[in-house]
Amino acid sequence: MVVTDAKENIENGPGGLTDLTPPESGDWVGVGGEPLPVEEAWRWAVLPGCGGIVTFCGTVRDQSEGRPGVTCLEYEAYVEQVAPRLAWVAAAARERWGEIGRLVLLHRVGRLEVGEVSVVVVASTMGVMAAVISTSAVPPPPKPLPVEIALRPLDFVPALRGSDLIPETTDNSVAVKDLLQEHRCLAEVMYYEARGEGEQGERAVAEVVFDRLAQGDHGKTLCSVVYEGVGHTFCQFTFACDGSMKKPKEVVAWRSAQVLAARLMVGELGQFKEVAGATHYHASYVHPHWRLDEIARIGKHIFYR
């Protein structure tokens, strides 16, 4: 059976979701907001030459992480990120179990009540025993990377240009974990230092973090730069020591900072030229005696290099 790249079968539909219509060839993968077609997926997976079908349905339960009384769950997904991930899962399954005939990977997003199906996985195999083995086999745990990951994704910062984001390896679970942590640190400094000042204000703060990272004197990762000084005499960024992080986050502002941090880290947004090279800033209502050159005033902050 000729199988095309599963990513080719994920096409955007209304609202950025994907069309859950079975493809003419390749694996059936997608994300939708309507009830998942469980029976249709099973029928589509049947092939004359296959002697077994494995079906898995994930459903919403009435408790989550030890908390009882759950009545519904709200699922969200970035379709542009789901596509390559589903394609990877499909390819990994076929590599591990070569007797797979047809493969279905569907995920539902939106509000789901208890008992509703959120995930459907269907695979037809050449033999009955292959189907049994594929459901019972436990994959080996991923191997950790041999080196610590220091995220340096910003080619527009001269000192970081050409550095690797993540080494090429399939054993990247540690790298992914570190990448997510770096993203959170960047989102936190932008949120706590400049929320309410718009995208320009948050990008200006991020630029200071990037330029400090490029200097090499404040840490080798975004997190080490952002939280430099925590537990010592003083913090480089005020929010890390003044108790701000103990307060509940404003949902909309936090979400905005997370999205902006992601756009910066993947290179969708380039260097913020108005404050390029800035390594220091302070609120406009304070007057430190710094022997630095003022380069810009954005929002409530004054930036220096």
Protein backbone atom coordinates (compact mmCIF):
# COMPACT_ATOMS: atom_id res chain seq x y z
CA MET A 1 0.00 0.00 0.00
CA VAL A 2 1.40 3.40 -0.97
CA VAL A 3 1.14 5.89 1.91
CA THR A 4 1.57 9.62 1.43
CA ASP A 5 2.85 12.00 4.09
CA ALA A 6 0.06 12.34 6.68
CA LYS A 7 0.73 16.06 6.87
CA GLU A 8 -0.59 16.45 3.32
CA ASN A 9 -4.02 15.24 4.48
CA ILE A 10 -4.44 18.01 7.07
CA GLU A 11 -6.09 20.93 5.35
CA ASN A 12 -7.54 23.95 7.09
CA GLY A 13 -11.30 24.23 7.21
CA PRO A 14 -13.64 26.78 8.82
CA GLY A 15 -12.18 28.42 11.93
CA GLY A 16 -8.71 27.03 11.22
CA LEU A 17 -9.84 23.45 11.99
CA THR A 18 -9.33 20.60 9.56
CA ASP A 19 -11.66 18.77 7.24
CA LEU A 20 -12.47 15.37 8.76
CA THR A 21 -13.47 13.85 5.42
CA PRO A 22 -11.62 10.56 4.74
CA PRO A 23 -8.76 11.04 2.26
CA GLU A 24 -8.48 9.14 -1.01
CA SER A 25 -4.99 7.98 -0.07
CA GLY A 26 -2.63 8.11 2.88
CA ASP A 27 -3.49 8.29 6.57
CA TRP A 28 -6.66 9.95 7.86
CA VAL A 29 -5.53 12.58 10.33
CA GLY A 30 -7.20 15.76 11.48
CA VAL A 31 -8.59 18.06 14.15
CA GLY A 32 -12.26 19.10 14.23
CA GLY A 33 -14.86 20.79 16.36
CA GLU A 34 -17.73 18.39 15.62
CA PRO A 35 -18.38 14.91 17.13
CA LEU A 36 -15.75 12.50 15.80
CA PRO A 37 -16.92 9.93 13.20
CA VAL A 38 -15.99 6.80 15.14
CA GLU A 39 -18.02 4.30 13.10
CA GLU A 40 -17.02 5.88 9.80
CA ALA A 41 -13.35 5.74 10.84
CA TRP A 42 -13.70 2.03 11.61
CA ARG A 43 -15.38 1.27 8.28
CA TRP A 44 -12.78 3.33 6.37
CA ALA A 45 -9.91 1.41 7.98
CA VAL A 46 -11.23 -1.97 6.79
CA LEU A 47 -9.20 -3.42 3.92
CA PRO A 48 -9.73 -6.78 2.14
CA GLY A 49 -6.19 -7.87 2.95
CA CYS A 50 -6.30 -6.99 6.65
CA GLY A 51 -7.28 -9.50 9.31
CA GLY A 52 -7.48 -7.25 12.36
CA ILE A 53 -8.52 -3.76 13.40
CA VAL A 54 -7.41 -1.92 16.54
CA THR A 55 -9.68 0.89 17.76
CA PHE A 56 -9.06 3.33 20.61
CA CYS A 57 -11.44 6.06 21.74
CA GLY A 58 -10.45 8.59 24.39
CA THR A 59 -13.43 10.01 26.29
CA VAL A 60 -14.00 12.85 28.75
CA ARG A 61 -14.22 11.59 32.34
CA ASP A 62 -15.77 13.11 35.44
CA GLN A 63 -12.46 13.72 37.24
CA SER A 64 -9.14 15.24 36.25
CA GLU A 65 -5.80 15.08 38.08
CA GLY A 66 -7.51 13.95 41.26
CA ARG A 67 -10.24 16.63 41.11
CA PRO A 68 -13.76 15.14 41.08
CA GLY A 69 -16.90 16.78 39.78
CA VAL A 70 -15.68 17.56 36.24
CA THR A 71 -18.67 18.18 33.97
CA CYS A 72 -16.86 19.15 30.76
CA LEU A 73 -13.46 19.88 29.26
CA GLU A 74 -12.39 22.58 26.81
CA TYR A 75 -9.80 21.45 24.26
CA GLU A 76 -7.68 23.93 22.27
CA ALA A 77 -5.10 23.31 19.57
CA TYR A 78 -2.88 25.21 17.15
CA VAL A 79 -3.63 23.39 13.90
CA GLU A 80 -0.31 24.44 12.36
CA GLN A 81 1.47 22.65 15.23
CA VAL A 82 -0.85 19.65 15.34
CA ALA A 83 -0.27 18.80 11.67
CA PRO A 84 3.43 17.90 11.91
CA ARG A 85 2.89 16.19 15.27
CA LEU A 86 0.17 13.90 13.93
CA ALA A 87 2.28 13.23 10.87
CA TRP A 88 5.16 12.25 13.14
CA VAL A 89 2.95 9.91 15.20
CA ALA A 90 1.63 8.24 12.05
CA ALA A 91 5.14 7.77 10.64
CA ALA A 92 6.43 6.40 13.96
CA ALA A 93 3.56 3.91 14.16
CA ARG A 94 4.22 2.65 10.65
CA GLU A 95 7.92 2.33 11.33
CA ARG A 96 7.30 0.32 14.50
CA TRP A 97 4.48 -1.85 13.15
CA GLY A 98 5.11 -2.46 9.46
CA GLU A 99 1.90 -4.46 8.96
CA ILE A 100 -0.40 -1.43 9.40
CA GLY A 101 -2.83 -1.07 6.51
CA ARG A 102 -4.88 2.07 7.12
CA LEU A 103 -4.39 4.48 10.02
CA VAL A 104 -6.78 7.03 11.55
CA LEU A 105 -5.74 9.76 14.02
CA LEU A 106 -8.50 12.26 14.87
CA HIS A 107 -8.77 14.78 17.71
CA ARG A 108 -11.73 16.93 18.68
CA VAL A 109 -11.43 20.47 20.09
CA GLY A 110 -13.91 22.76 21.78
CA ARG A 111 -16.25 22.06 24.68
CA LEU A 112 -16.82 18.35 25.36
CA GLU A 113 -19.20 16.91 27.95
CA VAL A 114 -18.43 13.87 30.13
CA GLY A 115 -18.56 10.71 28.02
CA GLU A 116 -17.96 12.41 24.67
CA VAL A 117 -15.15 11.13 22.45
CA SER A 118 -12.12 13.42 22.22
CA VAL A 119 -9.64 11.13 20.43
CA VAL A 120 -10.06 8.35 17.87
CA VAL A 121 -7.25 6.04 16.75
CA VAL A 122 -7.98 3.21 14.32
CA ALA A 123 -5.45 0.93 12.64
CA SER A 124 -6.03 -2.04 10.39
CA THR A 125 -3.32 -4.70 10.24
CA MET A 126 -2.48 -7.65 8.02
CA GLY A 127 -2.98 -10.22 10.75
CA VAL A 128 -5.03 -10.70 13.92
CA MET A 129 -1.97 -11.31 16.10
CA ALA A 130 -0.31 -8.14 14.78
CA ALA A 131 -3.30 -6.18 16.02
CA VAL A 132 -3.06 -7.76 19.46
CA ILE A 133 0.69 -7.18 19.69
CA SER A 134 0.42 -3.55 18.58
CA THR A 135 -1.97 -2.73 21.44
CA SER A 136 0.12 -4.47 24.11
CA ALA A 137 3.62 -3.44 23.09
CA VAL A 138 5.16 -0.78 25.29
CA PRO A 139 7.65 1.50 23.49
CA PRO A 140 11.00 2.04 25.20
CA PRO A 141 11.43 5.30 27.12
CA PRO A 142 13.15 8.06 25.13
CA LYS A 143 16.88 8.48 25.66
CA PRO A 144 17.89 11.81 27.22
CA LEU A 145 20.04 14.12 25.17
CA PRO A 146 23.75 13.91 26.04
CA VAL A 147 24.10 17.68 26.37
CA GLU A 148 22.21 20.47 28.10
CA ILE A 149 20.10 22.56 25.75
CA ALA A 150 20.83 26.28 25.66
CA LEU A 151 18.19 27.93 23.49
CA ARG A 152 19.65 30.45 21.05
CA PRO A 153 17.04 30.92 18.32
CA LEU A 154 17.56 34.51 17.25
CA ASP A 155 19.62 34.90 14.10
CA PHE A 156 18.98 38.63 14.03
CA VAL A 157 21.14 39.08 17.14
CA PRO A 158 24.69 39.04 15.67
CA ALA A 159 26.29 37.25 18.63
CA LEU A 160 23.74 34.40 18.32
CA ARG A 161 23.60 34.09 14.53
CA GLY A 162 24.06 30.58 13.23
CA SER A 163 23.68 28.82 16.58
CA ASP A 164 21.54 25.71 16.79
CA LEU A 165 18.10 25.66 18.33
CA ILE A 166 17.93 21.91 18.98
CA PRO A 167 20.48 19.33 17.74
CA GLU A 168 19.18 17.01 15.05
CA THR A 169 18.05 13.91 16.92
CA THR A 170 14.94 11.83 17.38
CA ASP A 171 15.60 11.56 21.12
CA ASN A 172 14.54 15.14 21.80
CA SER A 173 12.20 14.84 24.76
CA VAL A 174 14.63 16.73 26.99
CA ALA A 175 15.10 19.40 24.33
CA VAL A 176 11.36 19.89 23.96
CA LYS A 177 10.98 20.21 27.73
CA ASP A 178 13.74 22.82 27.85
CA LEU A 179 12.25 24.66 24.88
CA LEU A 180 8.87 24.93 26.61
CA GLN A 181 10.55 26.17 29.78
CA GLU A 182 12.44 28.84 27.83
CA HIS A 183 9.18 29.93 26.23
CA ARG A 184 7.53 30.26 29.63
CA CYS A 185 10.39 32.35 31.03
CA LEU A 186 10.21 34.76 28.10
CA ALA A 187 6.42 35.03 28.36
CA GLU A 188 6.68 35.67 32.11
CA VAL A 189 9.14 38.54 31.86
CA MET A 190 7.09 40.24 29.15
CA TYR A 191 3.85 39.74 31.08
CA TYR A 192 5.03 40.92 34.48
CA GLU A 193 7.23 43.76 33.25
CA ALA A 194 5.12 45.21 30.45
CA ARG A 195 1.57 43.87 30.33
CA GLY A 196 -0.85 46.62 29.49
CA GLU A 197 1.74 48.41 27.32
CA GLY A 198 0.84 46.59 24.13
CA GLU A 199 2.97 44.51 21.83
CA GLN A 200 5.66 47.20 21.51
CA GLY A 201 6.17 47.42 25.26
CA GLU A 202 6.46 43.65 25.65
CA ARG A 203 8.75 43.28 22.63
CA ALA A 204 11.03 46.00 24.03
CA VAL A 205 11.43 44.03 27.28
CA ALA A 206 12.09 40.85 25.29
CA GLU A 207 14.76 42.68 23.28
CA VAL A 208 16.64 43.46 26.50
CA VAL A 209 16.54 39.76 27.42
CA PHE A 210 17.85 38.76 23.98
CA ASP A 211 20.64 41.35 24.06
CA ARG A 212 21.70 40.24 27.54
CA LEU A 213 21.75 36.65 26.31
CA ALA A 214 23.95 37.74 23.40
CA GLN A 215 26.36 39.45 25.80
CA GLY A 216 26.98 36.16 27.57
CA ASP A 217 27.48 37.78 30.98
CA HIS A 218 23.96 37.27 32.30
CA GLY A 219 23.35 33.59 31.56
CA LYS A 220 23.43 31.04 28.76
CA THR A 221 19.68 30.50 28.48
CA LEU A 222 16.65 32.75 28.40
CA CYS A 223 15.56 31.50 31.82
CA SER A 224 18.95 32.17 33.41
CA VAL A 225 18.89 35.72 32.02
CA VAL A 226 15.32 36.40 33.15
CA TYR A 227 15.86 35.04 36.67
CA GLU A 228 19.41 36.26 37.20
CA GLY A 229 19.94 37.17 40.85
CA VAL A 230 16.98 35.26 42.28
CA GLY A 231 17.96 34.01 45.74
CA HIS A 232 20.83 36.47 46.00
CA THR A 233 21.12 40.17 46.80
CA PHE A 234 18.83 41.49 44.05
CA CYS A 235 17.03 40.43 40.88
CA GLN A 236 17.80 41.87 37.46
CA PHE A 237 14.07 41.93 36.67
CA THR A 238 11.95 43.29 39.51
CA PHE A 239 9.01 40.91 39.16
CA ALA A 240 11.17 37.92 40.05
CA CYS A 241 11.68 39.17 43.63
CA ASP A 242 8.83 41.52 44.52
CA GLY A 243 6.05 38.95 44.94
CA SER A 244 4.32 39.69 41.64
CA MET A 245 4.34 36.01 40.68
CA LYS A 246 2.21 35.09 43.69
CA LYS A 247 -0.74 36.99 42.27
CA PRO A 248 -3.19 35.32 39.83
CA LYS A 249 -2.45 36.10 36.20
CA GLU A 250 -4.84 38.09 34.04
CA VAL A 251 -5.99 35.44 31.58
CA VAL A 252 -6.15 37.56 28.42
CA ALA A 253 -2.87 39.40 29.07
CA TRP A 254 -1.05 36.16 29.93
CA ARG A 255 -2.33 34.47 26.81
CA SER A 256 -1.19 37.43 24.72
CA ALA A 257 2.30 37.27 26.22
CA GLN A 258 2.53 33.53 25.55
CA VAL A 259 1.58 33.98 21.90
CA LEU A 260 4.01 36.86 21.45
CA ALA A 261 6.83 34.86 23.06
CA ALA A 262 6.18 31.98 20.67
CA ARG A 263 6.21 34.31 17.65
CA LEU A 264 9.55 35.73 18.77
CA MET A 265 11.13 32.36 19.44
CA VAL A 266 10.24 30.87 16.06
CA GLY A 267 11.51 33.94 14.24
CA GLU A 268 8.14 35.20 13.00
CA LEU A 269 9.03 38.59 14.48
CA GLY A 270 12.49 40.06 14.00
CA GLN A 271 14.58 42.40 16.05
CA PHE A 272 12.77 45.37 17.61
CA LYS A 273 14.96 48.05 16.00
CA GLU A 274 13.80 50.89 18.24
CA VAL A 275 15.64 49.32 21.18
CA ALA A 276 18.21 47.18 19.36
CA GLY A 277 21.21 46.57 21.58
CA ALA A 278 19.46 47.67 24.79
CA THR A 279 20.64 45.86 27.89
CA HIS A 280 18.99 47.98 30.59
CA TYR A 281 15.70 49.76 31.22
CA HIS A 282 13.80 51.26 34.12
CA ALA A 283 10.39 52.71 34.83
CA SER A 284 10.06 56.37 33.89
CA TYR A 285 9.19 57.37 37.45
CA VAL A 286 12.58 56.29 38.88
CA HIS A 287 15.93 58.03 38.32
CA PRO A 288 18.95 55.70 38.65
CA HIS A 289 22.44 57.11 38.09
CA TRP A 290 23.47 54.98 35.11
CA ARG A 291 26.35 55.90 32.84
CA LEU A 292 24.57 54.50 29.82
CA ASP A 293 23.15 55.95 26.62
CA GLU A 294 19.40 56.41 26.52
CA ILE A 295 18.05 55.09 23.21
CA ALA A 296 14.26 54.99 23.51
CA ARG A 297 11.19 55.55 25.64
CA ILE A 298 8.43 53.02 25.12
CA GLY A 299 5.38 52.95 27.31
CA LYS A 300 6.40 53.48 30.91
CA HIS A 301 10.00 52.40 30.41
CA ILE A 302 13.24 54.10 29.33
CA PHE A 303 15.79 51.88 27.54
CA TYR A 304 19.59 52.13 27.52
CA ARG A 305 22.60 50.50 25.94
